[in-house]
Structure formats: C-alpha cells, structure tokens
C-alpha atoms as a PDB file:
ATOM      1  CA  UNK A   1      -0.225   0.074  -0.059  1.00  0.00           C
ATOM      2  CA  UNK A   2       1.091   3.265  -0.921  1.00  0.00           C
ATOM      3  CA  UNK A   3       1.369   6.165   1.572  1.00  0.00           C
ATOM      4  CA  UNK A   4       2.742   9.634   1.922  1.00  0.00           C
ATOM      5  CA  UNK A   5       6.004   9.611   3.992  1.00  0.00           C
ATOM      6  CA  UNK A   6       8.909  12.426   4.631  1.00  0.00           C
ATOM      7  CA  UNK A   7      12.472  11.427   3.866  1.00  0.00           C
ATOM      8  CA  UNK A   8      15.504  13.554   4.897  1.00  0.00           C
ATOM      9  CA  UNK A   9      18.969  13.064   3.420  1.00  0.00           C
ATOM     10  CA  UNK A  10      22.408  13.931   4.998  1.00  0.00           C
ATOM     11  CA  UNK A  11      22.542  17.480   3.507  1.00  0.00           C
ATOM     12  CA  UNK A  12      19.178  18.029   5.280  1.00  0.00           C
ATOM     13  CA  UNK A  13      16.993  18.244   2.301  1.00  0.00           C
ATOM     14  CA  UNK A  14      13.229  16.984   3.334  1.00  0.00           C
ATOM     15  CA  UNK A  15      10.580  15.927   0.678  1.00  0.00           C
ATOM     16  CA  UNK A  16       7.469  14.014   0.709  1.00  0.00           C
ATOM     17  CA  UNK A  17       6.952  11.068  -1.662  1.00  0.00           C
ATOM     18  CA  UNK A  18       4.253   8.759  -2.243  1.00  0.00           C
ATOM     19  CA  UNK A  19       5.988   5.262  -1.757  1.00  0.00           C
ATOM     20  CA  UNK A  20       5.244   1.686  -0.384  1.00  0.00           C
ATOM     21  CA  UNK A  21       4.922   1.559   3.249  1.00  0.00           C
ATOM     22  CA  UNK A  22       8.062  -0.903   3.531  1.00  0.00           C
ATOM     23  CA  UNK A  23      10.423   1.658   1.829  1.00  0.00           C
ATOM     24  CA  UNK A  24      12.824   3.003   4.429  1.00  0.00           C
ATOM     25  CA  UNK A  25      15.287   4.770   2.044  1.00  0.00           C
ATOM     26  CA  UNK A  26      14.830   6.386  -1.066  1.00  0.00           C
ATOM     27  CA  UNK A  27      17.022   8.643  -3.251  1.00  0.00           C
ATOM     28  CA  UNK A  28      16.965  12.599  -2.286  1.00  0.00           C
ATOM     29  CA  UNK A  29      14.846  14.557  -5.037  1.00  0.00           C
ATOM     30  CA  UNK A  30      17.361  17.610  -4.901  1.00  0.00           C
ATOM     31  CA  UNK A  31      20.865  15.862  -4.280  1.00  0.00           C
ATOM     32  CA  UNK A  32      20.247  12.218  -5.247  1.00  0.00           C
ATOM     33  CA  UNK A  33      22.066  11.094  -1.963  1.00  0.00           C
ATOM     34  CA  UNK A  34      20.156   8.192   0.341  1.00  0.00           C
ATOM     35  CA  UNK A  35      17.336   9.745   2.238  1.00  0.00           C
ATOM     36  CA  UNK A  36      15.910   8.092   5.344  1.00  0.00           C
ATOM     37  CA  UNK A  37      12.243   7.799   6.132  1.00  0.00           C
ATOM     38  CA  UNK A  38      11.569  10.183   9.119  1.00  0.00           C
ATOM     39  CA  UNK A  39       8.766  10.334  11.769  1.00  0.00           C
ATOM     40  CA  UNK A  40       6.932  13.510  11.179  1.00  0.00           C
ATOM     41  CA  UNK A  41       4.280  15.172  13.298  1.00  0.00           C
ATOM     42  CA  UNK A  42       0.700  14.662  11.941  1.00  0.00           C
ATOM     43  CA  UNK A  43      -1.131  18.088  10.668  1.00  0.00           C
ATOM     44  CA  UNK A  44      -4.475  18.134  12.512  1.00  0.00           C
ATOM     45  CA  UNK A  45      -6.609  21.148  12.601  1.00  0.00           C
ATOM     46  CA  UNK A  46      -8.895  21.664  15.411  1.00  0.00           C
ATOM     47  CA  UNK A  47     -11.561  24.307  16.081  1.00  0.00           C
ATOM     48  CA  UNK A  48     -10.217  26.823  18.471  1.00  0.00           C
ATOM     49  CA  UNK A  49     -13.046  26.982  20.982  1.00  0.00           C
ATOM     50  CA  UNK A  50     -14.378  23.537  21.515  1.00  0.00           C
ATOM     51  CA  UNK A  51     -11.512  21.523  20.190  1.00  0.00           C
ATOM     52  CA  UNK A  52     -13.774  19.684  17.566  1.00  0.00           C
ATOM     53  CA  UNK A  53     -12.771  18.796  13.996  1.00  0.00           C
ATOM     54  CA  UNK A  54     -13.547  21.447  11.612  1.00  0.00           C
ATOM     55  CA  UNK A  55     -17.205  20.570  10.427  1.00  0.00           C
ATOM     56  CA  UNK A  56     -18.056  17.976  13.139  1.00  0.00           C
ATOM     57  CA  UNK A  57     -20.885  20.110  14.601  1.00  0.00           C
ATOM     58  CA  UNK A  58     -22.152  21.027  11.424  1.00  0.00           C
ATOM     59  CA  UNK A  59     -22.407  17.389  10.470  1.00  0.00           C
ATOM     60  CA  UNK A  60     -24.045  16.516  13.608  1.00  0.00           C
ATOM     61  CA  UNK A  61     -26.249  19.190  13.232  1.00  0.00           C
ATOM     62  CA  UNK A  62     -27.337  18.207   9.825  1.00  0.00           C
ATOM     63  CA  UNK A  63     -27.842  14.544  10.888  1.00  0.00           C
ATOM     64  CA  UNK A  64     -29.874  15.454  13.735  1.00  0.00           C
ATOM     65  CA  UNK A  65     -32.147  17.739  11.499  1.00  0.00           C
ATOM     66  CA  UNK A  66     -32.575  14.854   9.108  1.00  0.00           C
ATOM     67  CA  UNK A  67     -33.528  12.452  11.820  1.00  0.00           C
ATOM     68  CA  UNK A  68     -35.909  14.946  13.160  1.00  0.00           C
ATOM     69  CA  UNK A  69     -37.599  15.503   9.799  1.00  0.00           C
ATOM     70  CA  UNK A  70     -37.981  12.098   9.311  1.00  0.00           C
ATOM     71  CA  UNK A  71     -39.843  11.471  12.717  1.00  0.00           C
ATOM     72  CA  UNK A  72     -41.964  14.372  11.996  1.00  0.00           C
ATOM     73  CA  UNK A  73     -43.097  13.025   8.774  1.00  0.00           C
ATOM     74  CA  UNK A  74     -43.294   9.322  10.494  1.00  0.00           C
ATOM     75  CA  UNK A  75     -45.627  10.775  13.062  1.00  0.00           C
ATOM     76  CA  UNK A  76     -47.880  12.984  10.815  1.00  0.00           C
ATOM     77  CA  UNK A  77     -48.591   9.860   8.486  1.00  0.00           C
ATOM     78  CA  UNK A  78     -49.562   7.994  11.498  1.00  0.00           C
ATOM     79  CA  UNK A  79     -52.000  10.531  12.545  1.00  0.00           C
ATOM     80  CA  UNK A  80     -50.098  11.730  15.665  1.00  0.00           C
ATOM     81  CA  UNK A  81     -49.342  14.989  16.350  1.00  0.00           C
ATOM     82  CA  UNK A  82     -46.424  14.428  18.431  1.00  0.00           C
ATOM     83  CA  UNK A  83     -43.004  16.123  17.837  1.00  0.00           C
ATOM     84  CA  UNK A  84     -39.843  14.944  19.646  1.00  0.00           C
ATOM     85  CA  UNK A  85     -37.454  17.192  21.043  1.00  0.00           C
END
C-alpha cells in the first residue's frame, strides 16, 4: 500500500514522497543521496473554542435535523401530532 512519507538526506533536504509503506530509504529529490524516512508530526486542525474537528458540529447538526424531519413525517403520516424534542 502506498502512503505519503517524509524523507531526509544527510544534507538536510526534506521531501514528501508517495511510496510503499515498507520503503525506508529513497533517493533525495534534490541531491540524489540516500534519504531516510523520518517520523513527522501529523497535521491536525481543531476548532479553536471547542477543540472539535472542523465541520464536526455542522455534520452532527445536519444529521440531527434529518432524523427529526423523518420522525415528524412518520408521526404525521400515522396521525399523531407529536413532535420529539
């Protein structure tokens, strides 16, 4: 399986490459020397106030609104005038 990894050579060049997850050494794209795969920090964006992932609340609100809408339709088709909270 191919994944995106960062590689660094002895000259300090860092590059990202889409390679097999078993590959540990690759030629540097800038100087051609052997570059070793390095462990890099993941890039994660969190919403500033709640710490949630961006769009997580929007998705939750959309799914909730769809469920409420479906329940209202079901209740009205059964002759009930009950609206859940």
